[in-house]
Amino acid sequence: KQIDTLGAKGIGIDILFDSPQPDDPLLKSTLKAMKT
């Protein structure tokens, strides 16, 4: 959320989301709202 606000050119995430976690809803909602 902060990186999006600061105006990055692009974001690459080198982390695999290969197992469900309790805080997935928060991350998913954040990703769907990303402009970057």
PDB file of all heavy atoms in Angstrom:
ATOM      1  N   LYS A   1       0.836  -1.202   0.000  1.00  0.00           N
ATOM      2  CA  LYS A   1       0.000   0.000   0.000  1.00  0.00           C
ATOM      3  C   LYS A   1       0.871   1.253   0.000  1.00  0.00           C
ATOM      4  O   LYS A   1       0.614   2.213  -0.739  1.00  0.00           O
ATOM      5  CB  LYS A   1      -0.924  -0.020   1.217  1.00  0.00           C
ATOM      6  CG  LYS A   1      -1.927   1.137   1.238  1.00  0.00           C
ATOM      7  CD  LYS A   1      -2.882   0.987   2.421  1.00  0.00           C
ATOM      8  CE  LYS A   1      -3.893   2.142   2.443  1.00  0.00           C
ATOM      9  NZ  LYS A   1      -4.834   2.011   3.585  1.00  0.00           N
ATOM     10  N   GLN A   2       1.953   1.259   0.788  1.00  0.00           N
ATOM     11  CA  GLN A   2       2.838   2.419   0.863  1.00  0.00           C
ATOM     12  C   GLN A   2       3.637   2.589  -0.433  1.00  0.00           C
ATOM     13  O   GLN A   2       3.830   3.704  -0.918  1.00  0.00           O
ATOM     14  CB  GLN A   2       3.793   2.273   2.053  1.00  0.00           C
ATOM     15  CG  GLN A   2       3.108   2.267   3.413  1.00  0.00           C
ATOM     16  CD  GLN A   2       2.352   3.559   3.689  1.00  0.00           C
ATOM     17  OE1 GLN A   2       2.784   4.650   3.280  1.00  0.00           O
ATOM     18  NE2 GLN A   2       1.203   3.455   4.348  1.00  0.00           N
ATOM     19  N   ILE A   3       4.102   1.457  -1.001  1.00  0.00           N
ATOM     20  CA  ILE A   3       4.873   1.519  -2.253  1.00  0.00           C
ATOM     21  C   ILE A   3       3.998   2.070  -3.373  1.00  0.00           C
ATOM     22  O   ILE A   3       4.448   2.870  -4.207  1.00  0.00           O
ATOM     23  CB  ILE A   3       5.426   0.119  -2.609  1.00  0.00           C
ATOM     24  CG1 ILE A   3       6.456  -0.334  -1.566  1.00  0.00           C
ATOM     25  CG2 ILE A   3       6.057   0.115  -3.997  1.00  0.00           C
ATOM     26  CD1 ILE A   3       6.896  -1.772  -1.705  1.00  0.00           C
ATOM     27  N   ASP A   4       2.731   1.641  -3.376  1.00  0.00           N
ATOM     28  CA  ASP A   4       1.786   2.127  -4.392  1.00  0.00           C
ATOM     29  C   ASP A   4       1.597   3.634  -4.241  1.00  0.00           C
ATOM     30  O   ASP A   4       1.562   4.376  -5.226  1.00  0.00           O
ATOM     31  CB  ASP A   4       0.464   1.382  -4.227  1.00  0.00           C
ATOM     32  CG  ASP A   4      -0.463   1.589  -5.420  1.00  0.00           C
ATOM     33  OD1 ASP A   4       0.056   1.790  -6.541  1.00  0.00           O
ATOM     34  OD2 ASP A   4      -1.679   1.547  -5.239  1.00  0.00           O
ATOM     35  N   THR A   5       1.497   4.064  -3.000  1.00  0.00           N
ATOM     36  CA  THR A   5       1.304   5.493  -2.726  1.00  0.00           C
ATOM     37  C   THR A   5       2.529   6.310  -3.145  1.00  0.00           C
ATOM     38  O   THR A   5       2.404   7.424  -3.660  1.00  0.00           O
ATOM     39  CB  THR A   5       1.019   5.704  -1.233  1.00  0.00           C
ATOM     40  OG1 THR A   5      -0.150   4.961  -0.863  1.00  0.00           O
ATOM     41  CG2 THR A   5       0.810   7.170  -0.917  1.00  0.00           C
ATOM     42  N   LEU A   6       3.718   5.751  -2.936  1.00  0.00           N
ATOM     43  CA  LEU A   6       4.952   6.464  -3.243  1.00  0.00           C
ATOM     44  C   LEU A   6       5.244   6.514  -4.744  1.00  0.00           C
ATOM     45  O   LEU A   6       6.168   7.195  -5.176  1.00  0.00           O
ATOM     46  CB  LEU A   6       6.132   5.813  -2.513  1.00  0.00           C
ATOM     47  CG  LEU A   6       6.100   5.950  -0.973  1.00  0.00           C
ATOM     48  CD1 LEU A   6       7.208   5.127  -0.341  1.00  0.00           C
ATOM     49  CD2 LEU A   6       6.233   7.422  -0.576  1.00  0.00           C
ATOM     50  N   GLY A   7       4.500   5.773  -5.551  1.00  0.00           N
ATOM     51  CA  GLY A   7       4.627   5.878  -7.000  1.00  0.00           C
ATOM     52  C   GLY A   7       5.747   5.067  -7.614  1.00  0.00           C
ATOM     53  O   GLY A   7       6.498   5.582  -8.456  1.00  0.00           O
ATOM     54  N   ALA A   8       5.869   3.801  -7.230  1.00  0.00           N
ATOM     55  CA  ALA A   8       6.854   2.920  -7.864  1.00  0.00           C
ATOM     56  C   ALA A   8       6.475   2.672  -9.319  1.00  0.00           C
ATOM     57  O   ALA A   8       5.298   2.726  -9.693  1.00  0.00           O
ATOM     58  CB  ALA A   8       6.941   1.600  -7.103  1.00  0.00           C
ATOM     59  N   LYS A   9       7.467   2.370 -10.154  1.00  0.00           N
ATOM     60  CA  LYS A   9       7.202   2.104 -11.570  1.00  0.00           C
ATOM     61  C   LYS A   9       6.613   0.711 -11.766  1.00  0.00           C
ATOM     62  O   LYS A   9       5.768   0.495 -12.634  1.00  0.00           O
ATOM     63  CB  LYS A   9       8.496   2.238 -12.379  1.00  0.00           C
ATOM     64  CG  LYS A   9       8.301   2.028 -13.872  1.00  0.00           C
ATOM     65  CD  LYS A   9       9.599   2.173 -14.655  1.00  0.00           C
ATOM     66  CE  LYS A   9      10.005   3.634 -14.765  1.00  0.00           C
ATOM     67  NZ  LYS A   9      11.162   3.793 -15.716  1.00  0.00           N
ATOM     68  N   GLY A  10       7.023  -0.218 -10.980  1.00  0.00           N
ATOM     69  CA  GLY A  10       6.517  -1.580 -11.058  1.00  0.00           C
ATOM     70  C   GLY A  10       6.996  -2.367  -9.863  1.00  0.00           C
ATOM     71  O   GLY A  10       8.024  -2.039  -9.247  1.00  0.00           O
ATOM     72  N   ILE A  11       6.256  -3.413  -9.499  1.00  0.00           N
ATOM     73  CA  ILE A  11       6.586  -4.217  -8.317  1.00  0.00           C
ATOM     74  C   ILE A  11       6.657  -5.679  -8.730  1.00  0.00           C
ATOM     75  O   ILE A  11       5.746  -6.202  -9.381  1.00  0.00           O
ATOM     76  CB  ILE A  11       5.536  -4.036  -7.201  1.00  0.00           C
ATOM     77  CG1 ILE A  11       5.410  -2.559  -6.817  1.00  0.00           C
ATOM     78  CG2 ILE A  11       5.904  -4.879  -5.983  1.00  0.00           C
ATOM     79  CD1 ILE A  11       4.241  -2.280  -5.875  1.00  0.00           C
ATOM     80  N   GLY A  12       7.733  -6.335  -8.330  1.00  0.00           N
ATOM     81  CA  GLY A  12       7.870  -7.772  -8.540  1.00  0.00           C
ATOM     82  C   GLY A  12       8.021  -8.462  -7.208  1.00  0.00           C
ATOM     83  O   GLY A  12       8.877  -8.076  -6.394  1.00  0.00           O
ATOM     84  N   ILE A  13       7.186  -9.456  -6.966  1.00  0.00           N
ATOM     85  CA  ILE A  13       7.205 -10.134  -5.664  1.00  0.00           C
ATOM     86  C   ILE A  13       7.807 -11.524  -5.847  1.00  0.00           C
ATOM     87  O   ILE A  13       7.245 -12.381  -6.541  1.00  0.00           O
ATOM     88  CB  ILE A  13       5.793 -10.228  -5.070  1.00  0.00           C
ATOM     89  CG1 ILE A  13       5.212  -8.823  -4.879  1.00  0.00           C
ATOM     90  CG2 ILE A  13       5.820 -10.983  -3.742  1.00  0.00           C
ATOM     91  CD1 ILE A  13       3.789  -8.813  -4.339  1.00  0.00           C
ATOM     92  N   ASP A  14       8.970 -11.756  -5.231  1.00  0.00           N
ATOM     93  CA  ASP A  14       9.672 -13.039  -5.314  1.00  0.00           C
ATOM     94  C   ASP A  14       9.320 -13.903  -4.105  1.00  0.00           C
ATOM     95  O   ASP A  14      10.202 -14.406  -3.393  1.00  0.00           O
ATOM     96  CB  ASP A  14      11.181 -12.782  -5.395  1.00  0.00           C
ATOM     97  CG  ASP A  14      11.966 -14.067  -5.637  1.00  0.00           C
ATOM     98  OD1 ASP A  14      11.380 -15.043  -6.134  1.00  0.00           O
ATOM     99  OD2 ASP A  14      13.180 -14.093  -5.316  1.00  0.00           O
ATOM    100  N   ILE A  15       8.027 -14.046  -3.858  1.00  0.00           N
ATOM    101  CA  ILE A  15       7.521 -14.853  -2.743  1.00  0.00           C
ATOM    102  C   ILE A  15       6.362 -15.677  -3.272  1.00  0.00           C
ATOM    103  O   ILE A  15       5.445 -15.137  -3.910  1.00  0.00           O
ATOM    104  CB  ILE A  15       7.054 -13.974  -1.565  1.00  0.00           C
ATOM    105  CG1 ILE A  15       8.216 -13.138  -1.016  1.00  0.00           C
ATOM    106  CG2 ILE A  15       6.448 -14.830  -0.456  1.00  0.00           C
ATOM    107  CD1 ILE A  15       7.781 -12.070  -0.039  1.00  0.00           C
ATOM    108  N   LEU A  16       6.375 -16.975  -3.025  1.00  0.00           N
ATOM    109  CA  LEU A  16       5.320 -17.855  -3.525  1.00  0.00           C
ATOM    110  C   LEU A  16       4.171 -17.917  -2.521  1.00  0.00           C
ATOM    111  O   LEU A  16       4.373 -18.237  -1.340  1.00  0.00           O
ATOM    112  CB  LEU A  16       5.875 -19.267  -3.762  1.00  0.00           C
ATOM    113  CG  LEU A  16       6.887 -19.418  -4.911  1.00  0.00           C
ATOM    114  CD1 LEU A  16       7.490 -20.815  -4.911  1.00  0.00           C
ATOM    115  CD2 LEU A  16       6.232 -19.104  -6.249  1.00  0.00           C
ATOM    116  N   PHE A  17       2.951 -17.642  -2.995  1.00  0.00           N
ATOM    117  CA  PHE A  17       1.750 -17.758  -2.163  1.00  0.00           C
ATOM    118  C   PHE A  17       1.127 -19.127  -2.436  1.00  0.00           C
ATOM    119  O   PHE A  17       0.071 -19.242  -3.051  1.00  0.00           O
ATOM    120  CB  PHE A  17       0.772 -16.625  -2.502  1.00  0.00           C
ATOM    121  CG  PHE A  17       1.380 -15.257  -2.352  1.00  0.00           C
ATOM    122  CD1 PHE A  17       1.349 -14.346  -3.408  1.00  0.00           C
ATOM    123  CD2 PHE A  17       1.983 -14.878  -1.169  1.00  0.00           C
ATOM    124  CE1 PHE A  17       1.910 -13.087  -3.274  1.00  0.00           C
ATOM    125  CE2 PHE A  17       2.548 -13.612  -1.022  1.00  0.00           C
ATOM    126  CZ  PHE A  17       2.520 -12.715  -2.075  1.00  0.00           C
ATOM    127  N   ASP A  18       1.840 -20.161  -1.978  1.00  0.00           N
ATOM    128  CA  ASP A  18       1.454 -21.532  -2.337  1.00  0.00           C
ATOM    129  C   ASP A  18       0.748 -22.271  -1.204  1.00  0.00           C
ATOM    130  O   ASP A  18       0.598 -23.489  -1.259  1.00  0.00           O
ATOM    131  CB  ASP A  18       2.682 -22.323  -2.778  1.00  0.00           C
ATOM    132  CG  ASP A  18       3.798 -22.291  -1.739  1.00  0.00           C
ATOM    133  OD1 ASP A  18       3.601 -21.686  -0.663  1.00  0.00           O
ATOM    134  OD2 ASP A  18       4.872 -22.862  -1.999  1.00  0.00           O
ATOM    135  N   SER A  19       0.334 -21.535  -0.171  1.00  0.00           N
ATOM    136  CA  SER A  19      -0.442 -22.166   0.900  1.00  0.00           C
ATOM    137  C   SER A  19      -1.337 -21.098   1.539  1.00  0.00           C
ATOM    138  O   SER A  19      -0.891 -19.973   1.769  1.00  0.00           O
ATOM    139  CB  SER A  19       0.491 -22.776   1.954  1.00  0.00           C
ATOM    140  OG  SER A  19       1.320 -21.788   2.531  1.00  0.00           O
ATOM    141  N   PRO A  20      -2.583 -21.429   1.790  1.00  0.00           N
ATOM    142  CA  PRO A  20      -3.525 -20.449   2.377  1.00  0.00           C
ATOM    143  C   PRO A  20      -3.061 -19.995   3.759  1.00  0.00           C
ATOM    144  O   PRO A  20      -2.510 -20.776   4.534  1.00  0.00           O
ATOM    145  CB  PRO A  20      -4.835 -21.230   2.452  1.00  0.00           C
ATOM    146  CG  PRO A  20      -4.672 -22.362   1.482  1.00  0.00           C
ATOM    147  CD  PRO A  20      -3.234 -22.732   1.513  1.00  0.00           C
ATOM    148  N   GLN A  21      -3.301 -18.694   4.065  1.00  0.00           N
ATOM    149  CA  GLN A  21      -2.946 -18.119   5.352  1.00  0.00           C
ATOM    150  C   GLN A  21      -4.120 -17.293   5.882  1.00  0.00           C
ATOM    151  O   GLN A  21      -4.953 -16.781   5.096  1.00  0.00           O
ATOM    152  CB  GLN A  21      -1.711 -17.234   5.212  1.00  0.00           C
ATOM    153  CG  GLN A  21      -0.446 -17.970   4.829  1.00  0.00           C
ATOM    154  CD  GLN A  21      -0.006 -18.979   5.877  1.00  0.00           C
ATOM    155  OE1 GLN A  21       0.109 -18.651   7.068  1.00  0.00           O
ATOM    156  NE2 GLN A  21       0.205 -20.207   5.431  1.00  0.00           N
ATOM    157  N   PRO A  22      -4.218 -17.118   7.213  1.00  0.00           N
ATOM    158  CA  PRO A  22      -5.342 -16.362   7.791  1.00  0.00           C
ATOM    159  C   PRO A  22      -5.417 -14.918   7.296  1.00  0.00           C
ATOM    160  O   PRO A  22      -6.503 -14.344   7.219  1.00  0.00           O
ATOM    161  CB  PRO A  22      -5.053 -16.421   9.301  1.00  0.00           C
ATOM    162  CG  PRO A  22      -4.196 -17.640   9.479  1.00  0.00           C
ATOM    163  CD  PRO A  22      -3.364 -17.738   8.257  1.00  0.00           C
ATOM    164  N   ASP A  23      -4.272 -14.318   6.984  1.00  0.00           N
ATOM    165  CA  ASP A  23      -4.296 -12.916   6.581  1.00  0.00           C
ATOM    166  C   ASP A  23      -4.387 -12.746   5.064  1.00  0.00           C
ATOM    167  O   ASP A  23      -4.124 -11.667   4.532  1.00  0.00           O
ATOM    168  CB  ASP A  23      -3.063 -12.184   7.116  1.00  0.00           C
ATOM    169  CG  ASP A  23      -1.759 -12.930   6.828  1.00  0.00           C
ATOM    170  OD1 ASP A  23      -1.826 -14.011   6.211  1.00  0.00           O
ATOM    171  OD2 ASP A  23      -0.685 -12.430   7.222  1.00  0.00           O
ATOM    172  N   ASP A  24      -4.769 -13.823   4.347  1.00  0.00           N
ATOM    173  CA  ASP A  24      -4.911 -13.719   2.891  1.00  0.00           C
ATOM    174  C   ASP A  24      -5.941 -12.668   2.462  1.00  0.00           C
ATOM    175  O   ASP A  24      -5.712 -11.947   1.479  1.00  0.00           O
ATOM    176  CB  ASP A  24      -5.282 -15.081   2.294  1.00  0.00           C
ATOM    177  CG  ASP A  24      -4.053 -15.960   2.124  1.00  0.00           C
ATOM    178  OD1 ASP A  24      -2.928 -15.425   2.188  1.00  0.00           O
ATOM    179  OD2 ASP A  24      -4.208 -17.180   1.916  1.00  0.00           O
ATOM    180  N   PRO A  25      -7.095 -12.565   3.138  1.00  0.00           N
ATOM    181  CA  PRO A  25      -8.082 -11.566   2.689  1.00  0.00           C
ATOM    182  C   PRO A  25      -7.511 -10.153   2.627  1.00  0.00           C
ATOM    183  O   PRO A  25      -7.791  -9.401   1.696  1.00  0.00           O
ATOM    184  CB  PRO A  25      -9.194 -11.688   3.733  1.00  0.00           C
ATOM    185  CG  PRO A  25      -9.098 -13.110   4.194  1.00  0.00           C
ATOM    186  CD  PRO A  25      -7.634 -13.410   4.229  1.00  0.00           C
ATOM    187  N   LEU A  26      -6.690  -9.777   3.636  1.00  0.00           N
ATOM    188  CA  LEU A  26      -6.096  -8.442   3.647  1.00  0.00           C
ATOM    189  C   LEU A  26      -5.179  -8.248   2.446  1.00  0.00           C
ATOM    190  O   LEU A  26      -5.241  -7.228   1.750  1.00  0.00           O
ATOM    191  CB  LEU A  26      -5.321  -8.220   4.951  1.00  0.00           C
ATOM    192  CG  LEU A  26      -4.536  -6.902   5.036  1.00  0.00           C
ATOM    193  CD1 LEU A  26      -5.471  -5.701   4.923  1.00  0.00           C
ATOM    194  CD2 LEU A  26      -3.726  -6.856   6.328  1.00  0.00           C
ATOM    195  N   LEU A  27      -4.323  -9.242   2.189  1.00  0.00           N
ATOM    196  CA  LEU A  27      -3.380  -9.116   1.078  1.00  0.00           C
ATOM    197  C   LEU A  27      -4.115  -9.098  -0.258  1.00  0.00           C
ATOM    198  O   LEU A  27      -3.781  -8.310  -1.158  1.00  0.00           O
ATOM    199  CB  LEU A  27      -2.362 -10.264   1.114  1.00  0.00           C
ATOM    200  CG  LEU A  27      -1.313 -10.266   0.002  1.00  0.00           C
ATOM    201  CD1 LEU A  27      -0.513  -8.962  -0.008  1.00  0.00           C
ATOM    202  CD2 LEU A  27      -0.369 -11.463   0.149  1.00  0.00           C
ATOM    203  N   LYS A  28      -5.124  -9.938  -0.382  1.00  0.00           N
ATOM    204  CA  LYS A  28      -5.865  -9.982  -1.644  1.00  0.00           C
ATOM    205  C   LYS A  28      -6.559  -8.650  -1.933  1.00  0.00           C
ATOM    206  O   LYS A  28      -6.541  -8.157  -3.060  1.00  0.00           O
ATOM    207  CB  LYS A  28      -6.881 -11.114  -1.608  1.00  0.00           C
ATOM    208  CG  LYS A  28      -6.262 -12.504  -1.715  1.00  0.00           C
ATOM    209  CD  LYS A  28      -7.331 -13.586  -1.710  1.00  0.00           C
ATOM    210  CE  LYS A  28      -6.722 -14.976  -1.850  1.00  0.00           C
ATOM    211  NZ  LYS A  28      -7.764 -16.032  -1.881  1.00  0.00           N
ATOM    212  N   SER A  29      -7.168  -8.110  -0.906  1.00  0.00           N
ATOM    213  CA  SER A  29      -7.862  -6.828  -1.115  1.00  0.00           C
ATOM    214  C   SER A  29      -6.861  -5.735  -1.476  1.00  0.00           C
ATOM    215  O   SER A  29      -7.145  -4.858  -2.296  1.00  0.00           O
ATOM    216  CB  SER A  29      -8.647  -6.451   0.144  1.00  0.00           C
ATOM    217  OG  SER A  29      -7.775  -6.253   1.242  1.00  0.00           O
ATOM    218  N   THR A  30      -5.685  -5.779  -0.863  1.00  0.00           N
ATOM    219  CA  THR A  30      -4.646  -4.797  -1.187  1.00  0.00           C
ATOM    220  C   THR A  30      -4.192  -4.938  -2.636  1.00  0.00           C
ATOM    221  O   THR A  30      -4.030  -3.948  -3.360  1.00  0.00           O
ATOM    222  CB  THR A  30      -3.449  -4.960  -0.242  1.00  0.00           C
ATOM    223  OG1 THR A  30      -3.882  -4.801   1.111  1.00  0.00           O
ATOM    224  CG2 THR A  30      -2.364  -3.931  -0.558  1.00  0.00           C
ATOM    225  N   LEU A  31      -3.982  -6.180  -3.080  1.00  0.00           N
ATOM    226  CA  LEU A  31      -3.529  -6.416  -4.453  1.00  0.00           C
ATOM    227  C   LEU A  31      -4.567  -5.935  -5.468  1.00  0.00           C
ATOM    228  O   LEU A  31      -4.223  -5.331  -6.491  1.00  0.00           O
ATOM    229  CB  LEU A  31      -3.234  -7.907  -4.660  1.00  0.00           C
ATOM    230  CG  LEU A  31      -1.963  -8.451  -3.974  1.00  0.00           C
ATOM    231  CD1 LEU A  31      -1.908  -9.970  -4.051  1.00  0.00           C
ATOM    232  CD2 LEU A  31      -0.712  -7.845  -4.614  1.00  0.00           C
ATOM    233  N   LYS A  32      -5.830  -6.203  -5.181  1.00  0.00           N
ATOM    234  CA  LYS A  32      -6.879  -5.792  -6.124  1.00  0.00           C
ATOM    235  C   LYS A  32      -7.005  -4.268  -6.224  1.00  0.00           C
ATOM    236  O   LYS A  32      -7.467  -3.753  -7.240  1.00  0.00           O
ATOM    237  CB  LYS A  32      -8.209  -6.392  -5.698  1.00  0.00           C
ATOM    238  CG  LYS A  32      -8.277  -7.903  -5.898  1.00  0.00           C
ATOM    239  CD  LYS A  32      -9.615  -8.460  -5.429  1.00  0.00           C
ATOM    240  CE  LYS A  32      -9.681  -9.977  -5.624  1.00  0.00           C
ATOM    241  NZ  LYS A  32     -10.984 -10.543  -5.178  1.00  0.00           N
ATOM    242  N   ALA A  33      -6.550  -3.603  -5.172  1.00  0.00           N
ATOM    243  CA  ALA A  33      -6.670  -2.137  -5.169  1.00  0.00           C
ATOM    244  C   ALA A  33      -5.428  -1.446  -5.714  1.00  0.00           C
ATOM    245  O   ALA A  33      -5.387  -0.224  -5.811  1.00  0.00           O
ATOM    246  CB  ALA A  33      -6.939  -1.662  -3.739  1.00  0.00           C
ATOM    247  N   MET A  34      -4.384  -2.217  -6.092  1.00  0.00           N
ATOM    248  CA  MET A  34      -3.118  -1.634  -6.532  1.00  0.00           C
ATOM    249  C   MET A  34      -3.267  -0.913  -7.865  1.00  0.00           C
ATOM    250  O   MET A  34      -3.919  -1.390  -8.791  1.00  0.00           O
ATOM    251  CB  MET A  34      -2.051  -2.719  -6.655  1.00  0.00           C
ATOM    252  CG  MET A  34      -1.641  -3.355  -5.336  1.00  0.00           C
ATOM    253  SD  MET A  34      -0.757  -2.232  -4.237  1.00  0.00           S
ATOM    254  CE  MET A  34       0.761  -2.020  -5.148  1.00  0.00           C
ATOM    255  N   LYS A  35      -2.648   0.283  -7.967  1.00  0.00           N
ATOM    256  CA  LYS A  35      -2.583   1.035  -9.213  1.00  0.00           C
ATOM    257  C   LYS A  35      -1.249   0.781  -9.927  1.00  0.00           C
ATOM    258  O   LYS A  35      -1.149   0.914 -11.142  1.00  0.00           O
ATOM    259  CB  LYS A  35      -2.731   2.538  -8.930  1.00  0.00           C
ATOM    260  CG  LYS A  35      -4.034   2.909  -8.210  1.00  0.00           C
ATOM    261  CD  LYS A  35      -5.245   2.509  -9.016  1.00  0.00           C
ATOM    262  CE  LYS A  35      -6.536   2.912  -8.287  1.00  0.00           C
ATOM    263  NZ  LYS A  35      -7.747   2.439  -9.023  1.00  0.00           N
ATOM    264  N   THR A  36      -0.231   0.450  -9.115  1.00  0.00           N
ATOM    265  CA  THR A  36       1.089   0.127  -9.670  1.00  0.00           C
ATOM    266  C   THR A  36       1.077  -1.308 -10.187  1.00  0.00           C
ATOM    267  O   THR A  36       0.542  -2.205  -9.513  1.00  0.00           O
ATOM    268  CB  THR A  36       2.182   0.267  -8.589  1.00  0.00           C
ATOM    269  OG1 THR A  36       2.113   1.583  -8.031  1.00  0.00           O
ATOM    270  CG2 THR A  36       3.559   0.009  -9.167  1.00  0.00           C
TER     271      THR A  36
END
